[in-house]
């Protein structure tokens, strides 16, 4: 007669062997732990605080809370983007800086993207959901120009998708957008989180 200890050990061995034999029949998806297709959600929007600097373009936006149980649900934005005295067009330059959150602090300049001209067109191509909701209604045909004014959103569904960046490392980022020509027009900041996209 087998001892209780030996029968328990045999049952563990049997389970381990069954798991190894049936690996190909297990229906599951693996999650990339570092980088891959992603979903972006906003945590907060604000303006960069540079000493003795008043920006000609500002944003005051708020996003609805992201629901991790419904990751496909698009966040709604409320607020405005306001420009004074100058247009943002294809004669402007743009710079995007992504800082990453590691070890309880921001690690600056994880990604830096600089375009020396065509800031308006690059914004339209690389942030299509944002551009569509804010600037499309007042768009002039032909040239890409965002004229000074107040562009308002009220519970607008803005899908944050970056079509030219299909794969990104997952984590928390501080997204800084600066735009200017001879002088700096704006430095807008958004804290976002990038999580794996599940099919």
Protein backbone atom coordinates (compact mmCIF):
# COMPACT_ATOMS: atom_id res chain seq x y z
CA UNK A 1 0.00 0.00 0.00
CA UNK A 2 1.40 3.41 -1.03
CA UNK A 3 1.98 6.09 1.60
CA UNK A 4 -0.09 9.31 1.38
CA UNK A 5 3.06 11.32 0.77
CA UNK A 6 4.04 9.16 -2.20
CA UNK A 7 0.56 9.36 -3.78
CA UNK A 8 0.57 13.19 -3.51
CA UNK A 9 3.99 13.31 -5.15
CA UNK A 10 2.80 11.02 -7.97
CA UNK A 11 -0.22 13.27 -8.62
CA UNK A 12 2.08 16.32 -8.98
CA UNK A 13 4.28 14.44 -11.42
CA UNK A 14 1.24 13.30 -13.41
CA UNK A 15 -0.07 16.91 -13.67
CA UNK A 16 3.35 18.17 -14.79
CA UNK A 17 3.59 15.47 -17.48
CA UNK A 18 0.07 16.24 -18.74
CA UNK A 19 0.85 19.96 -18.97
CA UNK A 20 4.00 19.26 -20.98
CA UNK A 21 2.19 16.87 -23.32
CA UNK A 22 -0.77 19.18 -23.95
CA UNK A 23 1.08 22.45 -24.51
CA UNK A 24 0.11 22.68 -28.17
CA UNK A 25 -3.59 22.33 -27.32
CA UNK A 26 -3.71 25.18 -24.80
CA UNK A 27 -5.67 28.09 -26.25
CA UNK A 28 -4.12 31.35 -25.07
CA UNK A 29 -2.29 34.40 -26.32
CA UNK A 30 1.03 35.57 -25.06
CA UNK A 31 1.50 39.21 -24.05
CA UNK A 32 4.65 40.97 -25.12
CA UNK A 33 6.25 42.29 -21.96
CA UNK A 34 8.50 44.92 -23.57
CA UNK A 35 7.08 46.33 -26.79
CA UNK A 36 4.50 45.65 -29.45
CA UNK A 37 1.14 46.88 -30.72
CA UNK A 38 -0.34 49.22 -28.15
CA UNK A 39 -3.18 51.33 -26.78
CA UNK A 40 -2.44 54.85 -25.53
CA UNK A 41 -4.47 56.56 -22.86
CA UNK A 42 -4.14 60.05 -21.39
CA UNK A 43 -3.72 60.72 -17.71
CA UNK A 44 -3.37 64.51 -17.77
CA UNK A 45 -2.68 67.54 -19.98
CA UNK A 46 -0.80 70.68 -18.98
CA UNK A 47 1.54 73.39 -20.26
CA UNK A 48 5.27 73.26 -19.70
CA UNK A 49 6.45 75.82 -17.19
CA UNK A 50 9.38 77.69 -18.68
CA UNK A 51 10.65 80.76 -16.82
CA UNK A 52 9.63 84.14 -18.22
CA UNK A 53 7.76 82.55 -21.10
CA UNK A 54 4.20 83.16 -22.25
CA UNK A 55 3.08 80.78 -24.96
CA UNK A 56 1.03 81.86 -27.97
CA UNK A 57 -0.70 78.45 -28.15
CA UNK A 58 -2.08 76.72 -25.04
CA UNK A 59 -4.25 73.75 -24.25
CA UNK A 60 -6.60 73.17 -21.37
CA UNK A 61 -7.91 69.62 -21.83
CA UNK A 62 -9.29 66.90 -19.58
CA UNK A 63 -9.83 63.25 -20.51
CA UNK A 64 -12.32 60.81 -19.05
CA UNK A 65 -10.88 58.05 -16.90
CA UNK A 66 -9.47 55.05 -18.73
CA UNK A 67 -11.26 51.79 -17.89
CA UNK A 68 -8.75 48.88 -17.99
CA UNK A 69 -11.68 46.43 -18.20
CA UNK A 70 -12.83 48.12 -21.42
CA UNK A 71 -9.55 49.02 -23.17
CA UNK A 72 -11.22 49.54 -26.55
CA UNK A 73 -13.46 52.28 -25.14
CA UNK A 74 -12.22 55.62 -26.49
CA UNK A 75 -11.53 58.38 -23.98
CA UNK A 76 -13.58 61.56 -24.26
CA UNK A 77 -11.85 64.95 -24.24
CA UNK A 78 -13.28 68.20 -22.94
CA UNK A 79 -11.61 71.60 -23.02
CA UNK A 80 -9.91 73.81 -25.56
CA UNK A 81 -6.79 74.60 -27.53
CA UNK A 82 -6.26 78.35 -27.90
CA UNK A 83 -3.93 80.18 -30.26
CA UNK A 84 -3.19 83.90 -30.25
CA UNK A 85 -1.66 86.05 -33.02
CA UNK A 86 0.18 83.30 -34.98
CA UNK A 87 -0.85 80.37 -37.18
CA UNK A 88 0.70 76.93 -37.09
CA UNK A 89 1.43 75.94 -40.66
CA UNK A 90 3.96 74.08 -42.78
CA UNK A 91 6.60 76.78 -42.26
CA UNK A 92 6.79 75.82 -38.57
CA UNK A 93 9.11 73.26 -36.99
CA UNK A 94 8.00 70.74 -34.36
CA UNK A 95 9.74 68.66 -31.76
CA UNK A 96 8.30 65.77 -29.76
CA UNK A 97 10.13 64.56 -26.67
CA UNK A 98 9.03 61.42 -24.84
CA UNK A 99 10.34 61.05 -21.30
CA UNK A 100 9.83 57.67 -19.67
CA UNK A 101 8.90 56.94 -16.05
CA UNK A 102 11.45 54.60 -14.39
CA UNK A 103 12.40 54.12 -10.74
CA UNK A 104 9.91 56.75 -9.54
CA UNK A 105 11.33 59.55 -11.68
CA UNK A 106 11.24 60.84 -15.24
CA UNK A 107 14.11 59.75 -17.46
CA UNK A 108 14.30 62.54 -19.99
CA UNK A 109 14.67 62.25 -23.76
CA UNK A 110 13.85 58.55 -24.18
CA UNK A 111 12.62 59.42 -27.69
CA UNK A 112 13.20 62.69 -29.54
CA UNK A 113 11.58 63.43 -32.89
CA UNK A 114 12.37 66.70 -34.68
CA UNK A 115 10.90 67.96 -37.94
CA UNK A 116 12.44 71.13 -39.33
CA UNK A 117 9.34 72.11 -41.32
CA UNK A 118 5.78 71.02 -42.16
CA UNK A 119 4.72 70.88 -38.51
CA UNK A 120 1.04 71.17 -39.45
CA UNK A 121 1.14 68.32 -41.97
CA UNK A 122 3.12 66.08 -39.60
CA UNK A 123 0.57 66.71 -36.86
CA UNK A 124 -2.27 65.89 -39.23
CA UNK A 125 -0.61 62.63 -40.35
CA UNK A 126 0.78 61.44 -37.01
CA UNK A 127 -2.12 62.48 -34.73
CA UNK A 128 -5.13 61.95 -37.01
CA UNK A 129 -7.74 61.45 -34.27
CA UNK A 130 -6.68 64.57 -32.41
CA UNK A 131 -6.48 66.68 -35.59
CA UNK A 132 -9.84 65.41 -36.84
CA UNK A 133 -11.71 66.44 -33.68
CA UNK A 134 -9.99 69.79 -33.12
CA UNK A 135 -8.95 71.35 -36.40
CA UNK A 136 -10.70 69.56 -39.30
CA UNK A 137 -13.87 71.70 -39.15
CA UNK A 138 -11.97 74.94 -39.77
CA UNK A 139 -9.51 73.49 -42.26
CA UNK A 140 -8.82 75.47 -45.41
CA UNK A 141 -8.45 73.47 -48.60
CA UNK A 142 -5.00 73.23 -50.09
CA UNK A 143 -2.52 74.36 -47.44
CA UNK A 144 -2.31 72.94 -43.93
CA UNK A 145 -2.85 75.94 -41.63
CA UNK A 146 -4.20 76.06 -38.08
CA UNK A 147 -5.28 79.67 -37.60
CA UNK A 148 -5.36 81.48 -34.24
CA UNK A 149 -8.58 81.01 -32.30
CA UNK A 150 -10.29 78.88 -29.69
CA UNK A 151 -10.83 75.24 -30.66
CA UNK A 152 -13.24 73.61 -28.24
CA UNK A 153 -14.07 70.00 -27.46
CA UNK A 154 -16.96 68.75 -25.36
CA UNK A 155 -16.95 65.03 -24.62
CA UNK A 156 -15.35 64.40 -28.01
CA UNK A 157 -14.16 60.82 -28.65
CA UNK A 158 -10.48 61.19 -29.54
CA UNK A 159 -8.71 57.99 -30.48
CA UNK A 160 -5.01 58.32 -29.79
CA UNK A 161 -3.40 56.39 -32.60
CA UNK A 162 -0.01 57.03 -34.12
CA UNK A 163 -0.10 55.28 -37.53
CA UNK A 164 3.60 55.83 -38.27
CA UNK A 165 4.60 54.23 -34.95
CA UNK A 166 2.88 50.81 -34.92
CA UNK A 167 5.09 49.35 -32.16
CA UNK A 168 6.23 51.10 -28.98
CA UNK A 169 7.75 50.00 -25.67
CA UNK A 170 5.08 49.75 -22.97
CA UNK A 171 5.11 52.07 -19.98
CA UNK A 172 4.32 55.55 -18.77
CA UNK A 173 5.49 58.56 -20.79
CA UNK A 174 5.55 62.33 -20.62
CA UNK A 175 4.79 63.60 -24.14
CA UNK A 176 6.14 67.12 -24.80
CA UNK A 177 5.22 68.90 -28.02
CA UNK A 178 7.02 72.10 -28.94
CA UNK A 179 6.20 74.09 -32.07
CA UNK A 180 7.65 77.32 -33.38
CA UNK A 181 9.13 79.27 -36.21
CA UNK A 182 11.65 81.96 -35.28
CA UNK A 183 10.33 81.83 -31.72
CA UNK A 184 8.78 79.10 -29.60
CA UNK A 185 4.96 79.12 -29.94
CA UNK A 186 4.05 76.38 -27.50
CA UNK A 187 5.24 73.59 -25.23
CA UNK A 188 2.29 71.31 -24.52
CA UNK A 189 2.64 68.31 -22.20
CA UNK A 190 0.55 65.18 -21.80
CA UNK A 191 1.22 62.24 -19.49
CA UNK A 192 0.20 59.02 -21.19
CA UNK A 193 0.42 55.29 -20.58
CA UNK A 194 1.09 52.74 -23.30
CA UNK A 195 -0.31 49.24 -22.70
CA UNK A 196 -0.44 46.09 -24.86
CA UNK A 197 -3.19 45.97 -27.44
CA UNK A 198 -5.23 42.80 -27.14
CA UNK A 199 -7.07 41.49 -30.21
